[in-house]
Amino acid sequence: MPATPDVPLQWLSLGSYAPDSPCQLLVTLSNRGAAIERVELVERTAAGQLRFRDLDNGGGYTGLQCQDAPQGCRVTVVGPGTPAALAVPGDAAVAGGLAPGDVVVQCQGGVVRTRDELESRIAELRPGQSLDLRVRRGDGADARTLAFVLTLGVRPLALLQAESTDQDDPVSSYLLGLHRRQGESLMLPLGQALGRAAAVIAECPQCHNLDTVSPCSICASSMVSGTRMRSTL
């Protein structure tokens, strides 16, 4: 049997952060068995505001996911409809915003060496503020440096997120934010969290007979951590 060729790790986003999108989720999957690595709640109210948002992290939201790379921070995911996807290039000949494969080399005029540096600088800014990025696009003789300006958005609640971000140790476990009846903030391993979610739905007359994975708004509010979201219902 011939050897299976090595396939580079890649990611795909489903859904959209755009205010006019009907999508309720923004999901990131990898090509390792279509594993789901991140789920963000992007449902909007009639006024176009996020119905659930992260209150633990008030910093601006880009929609980027990155990894450390030589001389910068390599973009792995650009969520559809996110500020990063809608970033305005400094060169009118460049179409679209940031893209997977871009390497962020500067943020707000300062050199970026790691993902942690990039995230810490973005965390200092708030939704609605502008973020200036310079990225290296392409390799070798085709590489060029591009400037982008994006307007930071409100950070949505990450319902499912990686427990570890160590690139040398592939992520194998995840955390799901839930809400205890006593109102305590809680982050549970995925299996335990899904069991608790099922118990909440089973007690709801609107949900327990439905053949669906989408609970009603009351159950959703009960399952999501009260310190990590705010409902504008």
Protein backbone atom coordinates (compact mmCIF):
# COMPACT_ATOMS: atom_id res chain seq x y z
CA MET A 1 0.00 0.00 0.00
CA PRO A 2 1.48 3.37 -0.98
CA ALA A 3 2.24 5.79 1.83
CA THR A 4 -0.41 8.40 2.50
CA PRO A 5 0.98 11.84 1.67
CA ASP A 6 1.18 14.35 4.48
CA VAL A 7 -1.63 16.88 4.22
CA PRO A 8 -1.05 20.27 5.85
CA LEU A 9 -3.44 21.26 8.60
CA GLN A 10 -6.13 23.57 7.25
CA TRP A 11 -9.23 25.25 8.67
CA LEU A 12 -12.65 26.19 7.37
CA SER A 13 -15.24 28.60 8.78
CA LEU A 14 -18.99 28.11 8.41
CA GLY A 15 -21.49 30.87 9.14
CA SER A 16 -20.98 34.63 9.19
CA TYR A 17 -20.45 37.44 11.69
CA ALA A 18 -22.07 40.00 9.35
CA PRO A 19 -24.93 41.97 10.99
CA ASP A 20 -27.31 41.17 8.13
CA SER A 21 -26.51 37.46 8.14
CA PRO A 22 -29.20 34.98 9.27
CA CYS A 23 -26.47 32.72 10.72
CA GLN A 24 -26.61 32.05 14.45
CA LEU A 25 -23.21 30.35 14.69
CA LEU A 26 -19.70 30.90 13.39
CA VAL A 27 -18.01 27.50 13.40
CA THR A 28 -14.34 26.69 12.76
CA LEU A 29 -13.46 23.19 11.57
CA SER A 30 -10.15 21.57 10.67
CA ASN A 31 -9.34 19.02 7.97
CA ARG A 32 -8.46 16.49 10.67
CA GLY A 33 -11.68 14.56 10.43
CA ALA A 34 -13.73 17.76 10.13
CA ALA A 35 -13.08 18.36 13.83
CA ILE A 36 -14.96 21.35 15.26
CA GLU A 37 -12.45 23.59 17.04
CA ARG A 38 -14.45 26.71 17.84
CA VAL A 39 -18.12 27.74 17.98
CA GLU A 40 -19.14 31.37 18.45
CA LEU A 41 -22.69 32.63 18.95
CA VAL A 42 -23.30 35.34 16.34
CA GLU A 43 -27.10 35.55 16.40
CA ARG A 44 -28.31 39.16 16.03
CA THR A 45 -31.23 41.11 17.42
CA ALA A 46 -33.60 43.02 15.19
CA ALA A 47 -31.35 46.06 15.72
CA GLY A 48 -28.34 44.13 14.42
CA GLN A 49 -26.60 43.76 17.79
CA LEU A 50 -25.12 40.50 19.03
CA ARG A 51 -27.62 38.66 21.18
CA PHE A 52 -24.84 37.00 23.21
CA ARG A 53 -21.45 38.59 23.77
CA ASP A 54 -18.37 37.87 25.85
CA LEU A 55 -18.30 40.00 29.00
CA ASP A 56 -15.03 38.57 30.30
CA ASN A 57 -13.10 40.04 27.37
CA GLY A 58 -14.18 43.56 26.44
CA GLY A 59 -11.43 44.00 23.89
CA GLY A 60 -12.19 44.50 20.24
CA TYR A 61 -12.89 41.54 17.96
CA THR A 62 -11.14 40.87 14.66
CA GLY A 63 -12.35 37.40 13.67
CA LEU A 64 -8.74 36.30 13.14
CA GLN A 65 -7.22 33.08 14.38
CA CYS A 66 -3.43 32.89 14.20
CA GLN A 67 -0.35 30.81 14.93
CA ASP A 68 3.21 31.80 15.68
CA ALA A 69 5.38 31.90 12.57
CA PRO A 70 8.93 32.98 11.75
CA GLN A 71 9.05 36.79 11.91
CA GLY A 72 5.40 37.27 12.69
CA CYS A 73 2.02 35.70 13.32
CA ARG A 74 0.47 33.58 10.57
CA VAL A 75 -3.27 33.93 9.95
CA THR A 76 -5.00 30.54 9.88
CA VAL A 77 -8.68 31.57 9.93
CA VAL A 78 -10.56 34.67 8.82
CA GLY A 79 -14.21 34.33 9.77
CA PRO A 80 -16.70 35.37 7.07
CA GLY A 81 -18.23 38.77 7.72
CA THR A 82 -15.74 39.56 10.51
CA PRO A 83 -13.78 42.83 10.75
CA ALA A 84 -10.69 41.02 9.45
CA ALA A 85 -12.57 39.82 6.37
CA LEU A 86 -13.84 43.36 5.74
CA ALA A 87 -10.51 45.08 6.43
CA VAL A 88 -9.73 47.93 4.05
CA PRO A 89 -6.40 47.54 2.21
CA GLY A 90 -4.10 50.51 1.80
CA ASP A 91 -3.55 49.52 -1.83
CA ALA A 92 -6.68 49.90 -3.95
CA ALA A 93 -5.41 47.16 -6.25
CA VAL A 94 -5.74 44.60 -3.44
CA ALA A 95 -9.12 42.89 -3.36
CA GLY A 96 -10.72 41.92 -0.06
CA GLY A 97 -9.46 41.89 3.48
CA LEU A 98 -7.01 39.68 5.32
CA ALA A 99 -6.66 36.07 4.20
CA PRO A 100 -5.36 32.78 5.59
CA GLY A 101 -1.63 32.58 5.01
CA ASP A 102 -1.01 36.28 5.63
CA VAL A 103 1.70 36.86 8.23
CA VAL A 104 1.02 39.80 10.56
CA VAL A 105 4.31 41.64 11.07
CA GLN A 106 3.09 44.94 12.58
CA CYS A 107 0.16 46.05 14.72
CA GLN A 108 -0.53 49.69 15.51
CA GLY A 109 2.97 50.54 14.28
CA GLY A 110 4.73 48.05 16.56
CA VAL A 111 6.52 44.89 15.46
CA VAL A 112 4.62 41.62 16.02
CA ARG A 113 6.74 38.58 16.86
CA THR A 114 4.18 36.18 18.36
CA ARG A 115 0.46 35.55 18.54
CA ASP A 116 0.45 36.55 22.20
CA GLU A 117 1.90 39.96 21.29
CA LEU A 118 -0.78 40.48 18.67
CA GLU A 119 -3.61 39.44 20.97
CA SER A 120 -2.38 41.62 23.84
CA ARG A 121 -2.29 44.71 21.63
CA ILE A 122 -5.74 44.04 20.24
CA ALA A 123 -7.05 43.54 23.80
CA GLU A 124 -6.07 47.13 24.60
CA LEU A 125 -8.58 48.42 22.04
CA ARG A 126 -12.35 48.50 22.23
CA PRO A 127 -15.13 47.75 19.72
CA GLY A 128 -15.49 50.55 17.18
CA GLN A 129 -11.82 51.55 17.30
CA SER A 130 -9.54 51.21 14.29
CA LEU A 131 -6.75 48.67 14.10
CA ASP A 132 -3.78 49.13 11.75
CA LEU A 133 -2.08 45.95 10.58
CA ARG A 134 0.77 45.23 8.21
CA VAL A 135 1.01 41.73 6.80
CA ARG A 136 3.41 39.84 4.58
CA ARG A 137 1.57 38.07 1.77
CA GLY A 138 3.22 35.50 -0.46
CA ASP A 139 6.59 33.81 -0.30
CA GLY A 140 10.01 34.33 -1.79
CA ALA A 141 10.29 36.81 -4.62
CA ASP A 142 6.49 37.20 -4.71
CA ALA A 143 6.23 38.31 -1.08
CA ARG A 144 4.95 41.82 -0.45
CA THR A 145 3.93 43.84 2.57
CA LEU A 146 0.36 45.12 2.67
CA ALA A 147 -1.33 47.58 5.02
CA PHE A 148 -4.88 47.08 6.30
CA VAL A 149 -7.21 49.08 8.53
CA LEU A 150 -10.13 47.38 10.19
CA THR A 151 -12.84 48.50 12.59
CA LEU A 152 -13.00 46.23 15.62
CA GLY A 153 -16.29 44.55 16.43
CA VAL A 154 -17.95 43.31 19.61
CA ARG A 155 -16.59 39.95 20.72
CA PRO A 156 -19.22 37.20 20.47
CA LEU A 157 -19.59 34.51 23.11
CA ALA A 158 -17.36 31.52 22.30
CA LEU A 159 -19.60 28.61 23.20
CA LEU A 160 -16.97 26.01 22.33
CA GLN A 161 -13.27 26.75 22.39
CA ALA A 162 -9.96 24.92 22.54
CA GLU A 163 -8.72 24.11 26.03
CA SER A 164 -5.11 24.26 24.81
CA THR A 165 -3.44 26.41 22.15
CA ASP A 166 -0.07 24.64 22.21
CA GLN A 167 0.89 24.21 18.57
CA ASP A 168 3.34 21.40 19.39
CA ASP A 169 0.58 19.39 21.07
CA PRO A 170 -2.52 19.09 18.85
CA VAL A 171 -5.69 20.15 20.65
CA SER A 172 -7.63 17.16 21.93
CA SER A 173 -10.01 18.67 24.47
CA TYR A 174 -12.41 21.58 24.56
CA LEU A 175 -14.38 23.66 27.03
CA LEU A 176 -18.04 24.62 26.87
CA GLY A 177 -19.43 27.56 28.85
CA LEU A 178 -22.54 26.79 30.86
CA HIS A 179 -24.59 28.31 33.68
CA ARG A 180 -25.24 26.71 37.07
CA ARG A 181 -28.60 27.26 38.71
CA GLN A 182 -26.84 29.11 41.54
CA GLY A 183 -25.50 31.60 38.97
CA GLU A 184 -21.86 30.50 39.19
CA SER A 185 -19.60 30.77 36.19
CA LEU A 186 -18.63 27.33 34.93
CA MET A 187 -16.39 25.87 32.24
CA LEU A 188 -16.91 22.13 31.80
CA PRO A 189 -15.25 19.43 29.69
CA LEU A 190 -17.33 18.97 26.54
CA GLY A 191 -18.85 15.57 27.42
CA GLN A 192 -20.02 16.69 30.86
CA ALA A 193 -21.27 19.99 29.47
CA LEU A 194 -23.35 18.34 26.76
CA GLY A 195 -24.94 16.11 29.41
CA ARG A 196 -25.89 19.17 31.45
CA ALA A 197 -27.25 20.87 28.34
CA ALA A 198 -29.40 17.84 27.58
CA ALA A 199 -30.76 17.91 31.13
CA VAL A 200 -31.74 21.57 30.78
CA ILE A 201 -33.56 20.92 27.51
CA ALA A 202 -35.32 17.85 28.95
CA GLU A 203 -36.95 20.05 31.62
CA CYS A 204 -38.32 22.51 29.05
CA PRO A 205 -41.75 21.74 27.55
CA GLN A 206 -40.78 23.67 24.40
CA CYS A 207 -37.60 21.69 23.77
CA HIS A 208 -37.73 18.16 25.12
CA ASN A 209 -39.94 16.79 22.34
CA LEU A 210 -38.18 18.61 19.51
CA ASP A 211 -35.91 16.72 17.13
CA THR A 212 -33.40 19.56 17.04
CA VAL A 213 -30.03 20.61 18.43
CA SER A 214 -31.18 24.23 18.82
CA PRO A 215 -32.77 24.95 22.23
CA CYS A 216 -35.25 27.75 22.73
CA SER A 217 -33.98 31.14 23.87
CA ILE A 218 -34.81 30.44 27.53
CA CYS A 219 -32.82 27.20 27.56
CA ALA A 220 -29.96 28.83 25.70
CA SER A 221 -29.82 31.54 28.34
CA SER A 222 -29.82 28.90 31.07
CA MET A 223 -27.02 26.91 29.49
CA VAL A 224 -24.62 29.71 28.67
CA SER A 225 -22.45 31.10 31.47
CA GLY A 226 -24.03 34.23 32.92
CA THR A 227 -20.63 35.91 33.38
CA ARG A 228 -19.64 35.23 29.79
CA MET A 229 -22.73 36.51 27.99
CA ARG A 230 -25.45 39.10 28.12
CA SER A 231 -28.82 38.45 26.55
CA THR A 232 -30.60 41.37 24.92
CA LEU A 233 -33.88 39.50 24.57
